[in-house]
Protein backbone atom coordinates (compact mmCIF):
# COMPACT_ATOMS: atom_id res chain seq x y z
CA MET A 1 76.13 165.67 44.21
CA LYS A 2 74.53 168.51 46.20
CA THR A 3 75.18 168.83 49.92
CA LEU A 4 73.18 171.10 52.22
CA ILE A 5 75.15 172.69 55.08
CA THR A 6 73.30 174.62 57.78
CA SER A 7 74.63 178.14 58.29
CA THR A 8 74.11 181.16 60.55
CA ALA A 9 74.43 183.64 57.63
CA ASP A 10 74.61 183.76 53.84
CA THR A 11 78.38 183.52 53.48
CA VAL A 12 80.96 180.71 53.69
CA ASP A 13 82.74 182.76 56.37
CA ALA A 14 79.71 182.36 58.67
CA PRO A 15 79.68 179.92 61.56
CA PHE A 16 78.13 176.54 60.84
CA ASP A 17 74.64 176.32 62.43
CA LYS A 18 74.18 173.16 64.50
CA ARG A 19 70.38 173.44 64.31
CA TYR A 20 68.81 171.89 61.24
CA GLY A 21 65.19 173.07 61.27
CA ARG A 22 66.02 176.37 62.98
CA ALA A 23 69.15 177.20 60.97
CA ALA A 24 69.05 180.74 59.56
CA TRP A 25 70.43 179.73 56.15
CA PHE A 26 70.99 176.66 54.02
CA CYS A 27 74.18 176.51 51.99
CA ILE A 28 74.00 174.21 48.98
CA LEU A 29 77.40 172.97 47.86
CA ASN A 30 77.59 171.54 44.37
CA GLU A 31 80.39 169.03 44.88
CA GLU A 32 81.08 168.77 41.12
CA THR A 33 81.65 172.50 40.55
CA GLY A 34 82.56 173.59 44.10
CA GLU A 35 79.94 176.35 43.82
CA THR A 36 77.96 177.40 46.91
CA THR A 37 74.50 178.96 46.90
CA PHE A 38 72.66 180.24 49.97
CA TYR A 39 68.92 180.02 50.68
CA LYS A 40 67.22 181.74 53.61
CA ASN A 41 65.36 179.29 55.87
CA GLU A 42 61.90 180.86 55.78
CA ASN A 43 60.71 178.52 58.56
CA ALA A 44 63.48 179.13 61.11
CA GLU A 45 61.08 181.08 63.34
CA ALA A 46 58.02 178.86 62.78
CA GLN A 47 55.94 177.95 65.83
CA GLY A 48 56.24 174.26 64.98
CA GLY A 49 57.24 171.92 62.20
CA ALA A 50 60.49 173.72 61.35
CA GLY A 51 62.38 170.43 60.96
CA THR A 52 59.75 168.95 58.64
CA LYS A 53 59.70 172.14 56.55
CA ALA A 54 63.51 172.10 56.41
CA ALA A 55 63.43 168.50 55.17
CA GLU A 56 60.89 169.46 52.49
CA LYS A 57 63.16 172.35 51.41
CA THR A 58 66.15 169.99 51.32
CA VAL A 59 64.26 167.70 48.92
CA GLU A 60 63.13 170.70 46.84
CA LEU A 61 66.75 171.93 46.55
CA GLY A 62 67.85 168.50 45.35
CA ALA A 63 70.38 167.80 48.11
CA GLN A 64 71.49 164.20 48.58
CA LYS A 65 73.31 164.90 51.84
CA VAL A 66 72.73 167.24 54.81
CA ILE A 67 75.39 168.37 57.27
CA SER A 68 74.09 169.79 60.54
CA GLY A 69 74.50 169.38 64.28
CA ASP A 70 71.18 167.77 65.10
CA PHE A 71 68.05 166.41 63.44
CA GLY A 72 64.66 166.09 65.09
CA PRO A 73 62.76 162.80 64.77
CA LYS A 74 60.24 164.06 62.18
CA ALA A 75 62.94 165.65 60.02
CA LYS A 76 65.02 162.48 60.30
CA ASP A 77 62.08 160.31 59.20
CA LEU A 78 61.40 162.51 56.17
CA LEU A 79 65.06 162.67 55.12
CA GLU A 80 65.35 158.88 55.44
CA LYS A 81 62.22 158.47 53.31
CA PHE A 82 63.94 160.40 50.49
CA ASN A 83 67.28 158.57 51.01
CA ILE A 84 69.08 161.75 52.03
CA GLN A 85 72.23 161.10 54.02
CA MET A 86 72.53 162.92 57.37
CA VAL A 87 75.94 163.89 58.73
CA ILE A 88 76.22 165.28 62.25
CA ILE A 89 79.12 167.57 63.12
CA GLU A 90 79.48 168.75 66.72
CA GLU A 91 82.57 170.93 66.24
CA ASP A 92 82.40 174.73 66.09
CA LEU A 93 83.35 175.35 62.47
CA LYS A 94 82.77 177.89 59.74
CA VAL A 95 80.86 176.82 56.63
CA LYS A 96 84.07 177.17 54.57
CA ASP A 97 85.84 174.66 56.86
CA ILE A 98 83.19 172.05 56.02
CA VAL A 99 83.30 172.93 52.31
CA GLU A 100 87.10 172.48 52.33
CA ARG A 101 86.78 169.09 54.06
CA ILE A 102 84.31 167.91 51.43
CA LYS A 103 86.49 169.11 48.56
CA GLY A 104 89.37 167.22 50.18
């Protein structure tokens, strides 16, 4: 399974980004291999529709789960439409902390 984790930079040592649509980077964790890959969020600075574009990118990347701090209503609707699980974390963590929790 692939999990998307919002990140402030393109490294697992970066702080987790609590903004979904405006996150600087998306970290894709392949839960089977433990491998992480980072993708720049090209729509983080968009005037509008950043959440919808982020949801479209999530689908394109093949993620079945998204971990972020908040989801706007349009992004939430689109993710639900594609049966993508949303997990909200409110703690201040690094991406690697979340990856380690998932790996158990």
